[in-house]
Amino acid sequence: MRTVVRRSAAGMAAATALLLSGACSFSFSLGSASVDGEELARVVETQLAAEVGQHPESVTCPEDLPARVGAEVRCELDSGDGVYGVTVTATSVEDGDVKFDIVVDETPMR
């Protein structure tokens, strides 16, 4: 697993520092041609929280992630201090397992 998480100099005290940027790789097993958007949001939230030790207020993924290498969806992470875009990219699909990278934008969308 490759992981890069940048934190602000102030550390984890501010919610904005929750995830300024990260590239995380994860695997998800499925029984269909895509990862459901709601389930994807739960996995993203759980995995990112595990990386930094703090849960965001919410993560939403309005679309399903197709089980196809290179497929991408944009999700949103609400840190409490701002809303950040999150790009989830399928990196491999094999025997019902989808591996994907999660990258959080460095600057908030709003």
N, C-alpha and C. Protein backbone atom coordinates (compact mmCIF):
# COMPACT_ATOMS: atom_id res chain seq x y z
N MET A 1 0.84 -1.17 0.00
CA MET A 1 0.00 0.00 0.00
C MET A 1 0.89 1.23 0.00
N ARG A 2 0.59 2.16 -0.86
CA ARG A 2 1.34 3.41 -0.91
C ARG A 2 0.43 4.49 -0.36
N THR A 3 0.99 5.28 0.54
CA THR A 3 0.20 6.34 1.16
C THR A 3 1.02 7.59 1.34
N VAL A 4 0.46 8.71 0.96
CA VAL A 4 1.09 10.00 1.19
C VAL A 4 0.02 10.91 1.76
N VAL A 5 0.24 11.41 2.97
CA VAL A 5 -0.71 12.33 3.59
C VAL A 5 0.06 13.53 4.08
N ARG A 6 -0.32 14.71 3.64
CA ARG A 6 0.32 15.94 4.12
C ARG A 6 -0.55 16.56 5.19
N ARG A 7 0.07 16.99 6.25
CA ARG A 7 -0.65 17.65 7.33
C ARG A 7 -0.11 19.07 7.48
N SER A 8 -0.93 19.96 7.95
CA SER A 8 -0.49 21.34 8.17
C SER A 8 0.48 21.39 9.33
N ALA A 9 1.21 22.46 9.45
CA ALA A 9 2.16 22.63 10.53
C ALA A 9 1.46 22.61 11.88
N ALA A 10 0.21 23.00 11.93
CA ALA A 10 -0.54 23.02 13.19
C ALA A 10 -0.98 21.62 13.61
N GLY A 11 -0.74 20.61 12.78
CA GLY A 11 -1.10 19.25 13.12
C GLY A 11 -2.57 18.98 12.92
N MET A 12 -3.08 18.06 13.68
CA MET A 12 -4.45 17.63 13.50
C MET A 12 -5.45 18.45 14.30
N ALA A 13 -5.03 19.52 14.94
CA ALA A 13 -5.94 20.33 15.75
C ALA A 13 -7.06 20.91 14.91
N ALA A 14 -6.77 21.36 13.73
CA ALA A 14 -7.80 21.94 12.85
C ALA A 14 -8.34 20.85 11.94
N ALA A 15 -9.63 20.86 11.73
CA ALA A 15 -10.25 19.85 10.88
C ALA A 15 -9.76 19.95 9.44
N THR A 16 -9.38 21.14 9.01
CA THR A 16 -8.87 21.32 7.66
C THR A 16 -7.63 20.49 7.45
N ALA A 17 -6.87 20.27 8.51
CA ALA A 17 -5.64 19.49 8.41
C ALA A 17 -5.94 18.00 8.34
N LEU A 18 -7.22 17.63 8.45
CA LEU A 18 -7.59 16.23 8.40
C LEU A 18 -6.93 15.53 7.23
N LEU A 19 -7.10 16.07 6.04
CA LEU A 19 -6.51 15.48 4.85
C LEU A 19 -6.24 16.56 3.83
N LEU A 20 -5.08 17.12 3.84
CA LEU A 20 -4.78 18.14 2.84
C LEU A 20 -4.44 17.49 1.51
N SER A 21 -3.81 16.39 1.54
CA SER A 21 -3.55 15.68 0.30
C SER A 21 -3.20 14.25 0.63
N GLY A 22 -3.73 13.35 -0.11
CA GLY A 22 -3.39 11.96 0.14
C GLY A 22 -3.53 11.13 -1.10
N ALA A 23 -2.67 10.15 -1.23
CA ALA A 23 -2.81 9.16 -2.28
C ALA A 23 -2.78 7.82 -1.57
N CYS A 24 -3.91 7.17 -1.52
CA CYS A 24 -4.03 5.91 -0.79
C CYS A 24 -4.56 4.86 -1.75
N SER A 25 -4.05 3.64 -1.65
CA SER A 25 -4.54 2.55 -2.48
C SER A 25 -5.29 1.56 -1.62
N PHE A 26 -6.47 1.13 -2.08
CA PHE A 26 -7.30 0.21 -1.33
C PHE A 26 -7.96 -0.78 -2.27
N SER A 27 -8.42 -1.88 -1.70
CA SER A 27 -9.10 -2.92 -2.46
C SER A 27 -10.52 -3.08 -1.94
N PHE A 28 -11.44 -3.38 -2.82
CA PHE A 28 -12.84 -3.57 -2.45
C PHE A 28 -13.39 -4.72 -3.27
N SER A 29 -14.03 -5.66 -2.62
CA SER A 29 -14.65 -6.79 -3.32
C SER A 29 -16.09 -6.45 -3.66
N LEU A 30 -16.51 -6.83 -4.85
CA LEU A 30 -17.88 -6.54 -5.26
C LEU A 30 -18.44 -7.68 -6.07
N GLY A 31 -19.74 -7.66 -6.20
CA GLY A 31 -20.42 -8.69 -6.98
C GLY A 31 -21.12 -8.12 -8.19
N SER A 32 -20.78 -6.89 -8.57
CA SER A 32 -21.43 -6.27 -9.72
C SER A 32 -20.38 -5.57 -10.57
N ALA A 33 -20.85 -4.80 -11.53
CA ALA A 33 -19.95 -4.12 -12.47
C ALA A 33 -19.48 -2.77 -11.95
N SER A 34 -19.84 -2.43 -10.70
CA SER A 34 -19.41 -1.15 -10.15
C SER A 34 -19.45 -1.19 -8.63
N VAL A 35 -18.75 -0.24 -8.02
CA VAL A 35 -18.81 -0.05 -6.57
C VAL A 35 -19.86 1.03 -6.32
N ASP A 36 -20.90 0.69 -5.57
CA ASP A 36 -21.98 1.61 -5.26
C ASP A 36 -21.43 2.89 -4.64
N GLY A 37 -21.94 4.04 -5.06
CA GLY A 37 -21.46 5.34 -4.58
C GLY A 37 -21.54 5.49 -3.07
N GLU A 38 -22.63 5.01 -2.45
CA GLU A 38 -22.76 5.12 -1.00
C GLU A 38 -21.74 4.25 -0.29
N GLU A 39 -21.55 3.03 -0.80
CA GLU A 39 -20.56 2.13 -0.21
C GLU A 39 -19.14 2.68 -0.43
N LEU A 40 -18.91 3.24 -1.60
CA LEU A 40 -17.61 3.84 -1.89
C LEU A 40 -17.31 4.97 -0.91
N ALA A 41 -18.31 5.81 -0.63
CA ALA A 41 -18.12 6.91 0.32
C ALA A 41 -17.76 6.38 1.71
N ARG A 42 -18.42 5.29 2.13
CA ARG A 42 -18.11 4.69 3.44
C ARG A 42 -16.68 4.16 3.48
N VAL A 43 -16.27 3.49 2.41
CA VAL A 43 -14.91 2.95 2.35
C VAL A 43 -13.89 4.08 2.34
N VAL A 44 -14.13 5.11 1.54
CA VAL A 44 -13.22 6.25 1.48
C VAL A 44 -13.09 6.90 2.86
N GLU A 45 -14.23 7.15 3.51
CA GLU A 45 -14.20 7.78 4.83
C GLU A 45 -13.43 6.93 5.84
N THR A 46 -13.71 5.65 5.86
CA THR A 46 -13.05 4.75 6.81
C THR A 46 -11.55 4.66 6.56
N GLN A 47 -11.16 4.52 5.30
CA GLN A 47 -9.75 4.37 4.98
C GLN A 47 -8.96 5.66 5.23
N LEU A 48 -9.54 6.79 4.88
CA LEU A 48 -8.85 8.06 5.13
C LEU A 48 -8.76 8.35 6.62
N ALA A 49 -9.80 8.03 7.37
CA ALA A 49 -9.76 8.22 8.83
C ALA A 49 -8.67 7.34 9.45
N ALA A 50 -8.51 6.14 8.93
CA ALA A 50 -7.47 5.25 9.44
C ALA A 50 -6.08 5.84 9.18
N GLU A 51 -5.93 6.56 8.08
CA GLU A 51 -4.63 7.16 7.74
C GLU A 51 -4.25 8.30 8.67
N VAL A 52 -5.25 9.09 9.11
CA VAL A 52 -4.95 10.29 9.89
C VAL A 52 -5.47 10.24 11.32
N GLY A 53 -6.24 9.21 11.67
CA GLY A 53 -6.72 9.07 13.03
C GLY A 53 -7.89 9.96 13.41
N GLN A 54 -8.57 10.50 12.41
CA GLN A 54 -9.72 11.37 12.67
C GLN A 54 -10.71 11.24 11.52
N HIS A 55 -12.00 11.14 11.85
CA HIS A 55 -13.03 11.02 10.81
C HIS A 55 -13.44 12.40 10.31
N PRO A 56 -13.65 12.53 9.00
CA PRO A 56 -14.24 13.77 8.48
C PRO A 56 -15.70 13.83 8.89
N GLU A 57 -16.31 15.00 8.76
CA GLU A 57 -17.74 15.10 9.06
C GLU A 57 -18.55 14.24 8.11
N SER A 58 -18.16 14.22 6.83
CA SER A 58 -18.86 13.35 5.88
C SER A 58 -18.04 13.20 4.61
N VAL A 59 -18.35 12.14 3.88
CA VAL A 59 -17.83 11.91 2.54
C VAL A 59 -19.02 11.49 1.70
N THR A 60 -19.19 12.11 0.54
CA THR A 60 -20.26 11.73 -0.37
C THR A 60 -19.69 11.45 -1.75
N CYS A 61 -20.20 10.39 -2.37
CA CYS A 61 -19.82 10.03 -3.73
C CYS A 61 -21.11 9.89 -4.53
N PRO A 62 -21.42 10.87 -5.36
CA PRO A 62 -22.71 10.87 -6.06
C PRO A 62 -22.83 9.84 -7.17
N GLU A 63 -21.73 9.21 -7.55
CA GLU A 63 -21.75 8.24 -8.64
C GLU A 63 -21.12 6.93 -8.19
N ASP A 64 -21.49 5.85 -8.85
CA ASP A 64 -20.84 4.57 -8.65
C ASP A 64 -19.50 4.58 -9.36
N LEU A 65 -18.53 3.82 -8.83
CA LEU A 65 -17.23 3.66 -9.49
C LEU A 65 -17.29 2.43 -10.38
N PRO A 66 -17.22 2.61 -11.71
CA PRO A 66 -17.25 1.44 -12.60
C PRO A 66 -16.05 0.53 -12.33
N ALA A 67 -16.29 -0.77 -12.40
CA ALA A 67 -15.23 -1.76 -12.20
C ALA A 67 -14.44 -1.89 -13.49
N ARG A 68 -13.71 -0.83 -13.81
CA ARG A 68 -12.93 -0.74 -15.04
C ARG A 68 -11.67 0.04 -14.73
N VAL A 69 -10.51 -0.50 -15.07
CA VAL A 69 -9.25 0.18 -14.81
C VAL A 69 -9.27 1.57 -15.45
N GLY A 70 -8.91 2.56 -14.65
CA GLY A 70 -8.87 3.94 -15.13
C GLY A 70 -10.16 4.71 -14.88
N ALA A 71 -11.22 4.02 -14.49
CA ALA A 71 -12.49 4.71 -14.19
C ALA A 71 -12.29 5.61 -12.98
N GLU A 72 -12.89 6.80 -13.02
CA GLU A 72 -12.76 7.77 -11.94
C GLU A 72 -14.12 8.30 -11.53
N VAL A 73 -14.24 8.63 -10.26
CA VAL A 73 -15.39 9.38 -9.77
C VAL A 73 -14.86 10.46 -8.85
N ARG A 74 -15.62 11.54 -8.76
CA ARG A 74 -15.30 12.64 -7.86
C ARG A 74 -16.24 12.57 -6.67
N CYS A 75 -15.66 12.60 -5.50
CA CYS A 75 -16.42 12.60 -4.26
C CYS A 75 -16.12 13.92 -3.55
N GLU A 76 -16.84 14.16 -2.45
CA GLU A 76 -16.60 15.36 -1.64
C GLU A 76 -16.40 14.96 -0.20
N LEU A 77 -15.40 15.55 0.43
CA LEU A 77 -15.09 15.34 1.83
C LEU A 77 -15.33 16.63 2.58
N ASP A 78 -16.20 16.60 3.58
CA ASP A 78 -16.46 17.77 4.42
C ASP A 78 -15.62 17.61 5.68
N SER A 79 -14.62 18.46 5.84
CA SER A 79 -13.72 18.37 6.99
C SER A 79 -14.25 19.15 8.19
N GLY A 80 -15.30 19.92 7.98
CA GLY A 80 -15.80 20.80 9.02
C GLY A 80 -15.31 22.22 8.82
N ASP A 81 -14.14 22.37 8.23
CA ASP A 81 -13.58 23.68 7.92
C ASP A 81 -13.63 23.98 6.43
N GLY A 82 -13.98 23.01 5.64
CA GLY A 82 -14.04 23.19 4.20
C GLY A 82 -14.45 21.90 3.53
N VAL A 83 -14.84 22.01 2.27
CA VAL A 83 -15.22 20.83 1.49
C VAL A 83 -14.14 20.62 0.44
N TYR A 84 -13.58 19.42 0.44
CA TYR A 84 -12.49 19.07 -0.47
C TYR A 84 -12.97 18.08 -1.50
N GLY A 85 -12.49 18.21 -2.72
CA GLY A 85 -12.75 17.22 -3.74
C GLY A 85 -11.87 16.00 -3.50
N VAL A 86 -12.40 14.84 -3.84
CA VAL A 86 -11.67 13.58 -3.70
C VAL A 86 -11.82 12.84 -5.02
N THR A 87 -10.70 12.43 -5.59
CA THR A 87 -10.73 11.64 -6.82
C THR A 87 -10.44 10.19 -6.47
N VAL A 88 -11.35 9.30 -6.87
CA VAL A 88 -11.18 7.87 -6.66
C VAL A 88 -11.00 7.24 -8.04
N THR A 89 -9.88 6.53 -8.23
CA THR A 89 -9.55 5.95 -9.52
C THR A 89 -9.34 4.45 -9.40
N ALA A 90 -10.05 3.67 -10.19
CA ALA A 90 -9.85 2.22 -10.20
C ALA A 90 -8.50 1.92 -10.84
N THR A 91 -7.66 1.17 -10.12
CA THR A 91 -6.32 0.86 -10.63
C THR A 91 -6.19 -0.57 -11.12
N SER A 92 -7.05 -1.47 -10.62
CA SER A 92 -7.07 -2.84 -11.15
C SER A 92 -8.40 -3.49 -10.79
N VAL A 93 -8.81 -4.42 -11.64
CA VAL A 93 -10.03 -5.18 -11.42
C VAL A 93 -9.70 -6.63 -11.73
N GLU A 94 -9.86 -7.49 -10.72
CA GLU A 94 -9.52 -8.89 -10.92
C GLU A 94 -10.39 -9.77 -10.02
N ASP A 95 -11.09 -10.71 -10.61
CA ASP A 95 -11.91 -11.67 -9.87
C ASP A 95 -12.84 -11.02 -8.85
N GLY A 96 -13.50 -9.95 -9.24
CA GLY A 96 -14.45 -9.29 -8.36
C GLY A 96 -13.84 -8.32 -7.36
N ASP A 97 -12.53 -8.16 -7.39
CA ASP A 97 -11.85 -7.20 -6.52
C ASP A 97 -11.49 -5.96 -7.32
N VAL A 98 -11.87 -4.80 -6.79
CA VAL A 98 -11.50 -3.53 -7.41
C VAL A 98 -10.50 -2.85 -6.49
N LYS A 99 -9.34 -2.53 -7.02
CA LYS A 99 -8.36 -1.76 -6.27
C LYS A 99 -8.44 -0.34 -6.78
N PHE A 100 -8.35 0.62 -5.85
CA PHE A 100 -8.47 2.00 -6.27
C PHE A 100 -7.60 2.91 -5.43
N ASP A 101 -7.23 4.03 -6.04
CA ASP A 101 -6.47 5.08 -5.37
C ASP A 101 -7.45 6.17 -4.95
N ILE A 102 -7.14 6.79 -3.82
CA ILE A 102 -7.93 7.90 -3.30
C ILE A 102 -7.00 9.09 -3.18
N VAL A 103 -7.34 10.20 -3.83
CA VAL A 103 -6.52 11.41 -3.76
C VAL A 103 -7.42 12.58 -3.36
N VAL A 104 -7.06 13.22 -2.26
CA VAL A 104 -7.80 14.38 -1.75
C VAL A 104 -7.15 15.65 -2.28
N ASP A 105 -7.96 16.57 -2.82
CA ASP A 105 -7.42 17.84 -3.30
C ASP A 105 -6.70 18.59 -2.19
N GLU A 106 -5.69 19.36 -2.55
CA GLU A 106 -4.92 20.14 -1.57
C GLU A 106 -5.66 21.37 -1.07
N THR A 107 -6.55 21.92 -1.88
CA THR A 107 -7.27 23.13 -1.48
C THR A 107 -8.76 22.86 -1.49
N PRO A 108 -9.50 23.50 -0.58
CA PRO A 108 -10.94 23.26 -0.53
C PRO A 108 -11.67 23.82 -1.75
N MET A 109 -12.79 23.17 -2.05
CA MET A 109 -13.65 23.62 -3.15
C MET A 109 -14.50 24.80 -2.67
N ARG A 110 -14.81 24.78 -1.38
CA ARG A 110 -15.60 25.83 -0.76
C ARG A 110 -15.40 25.80 0.73
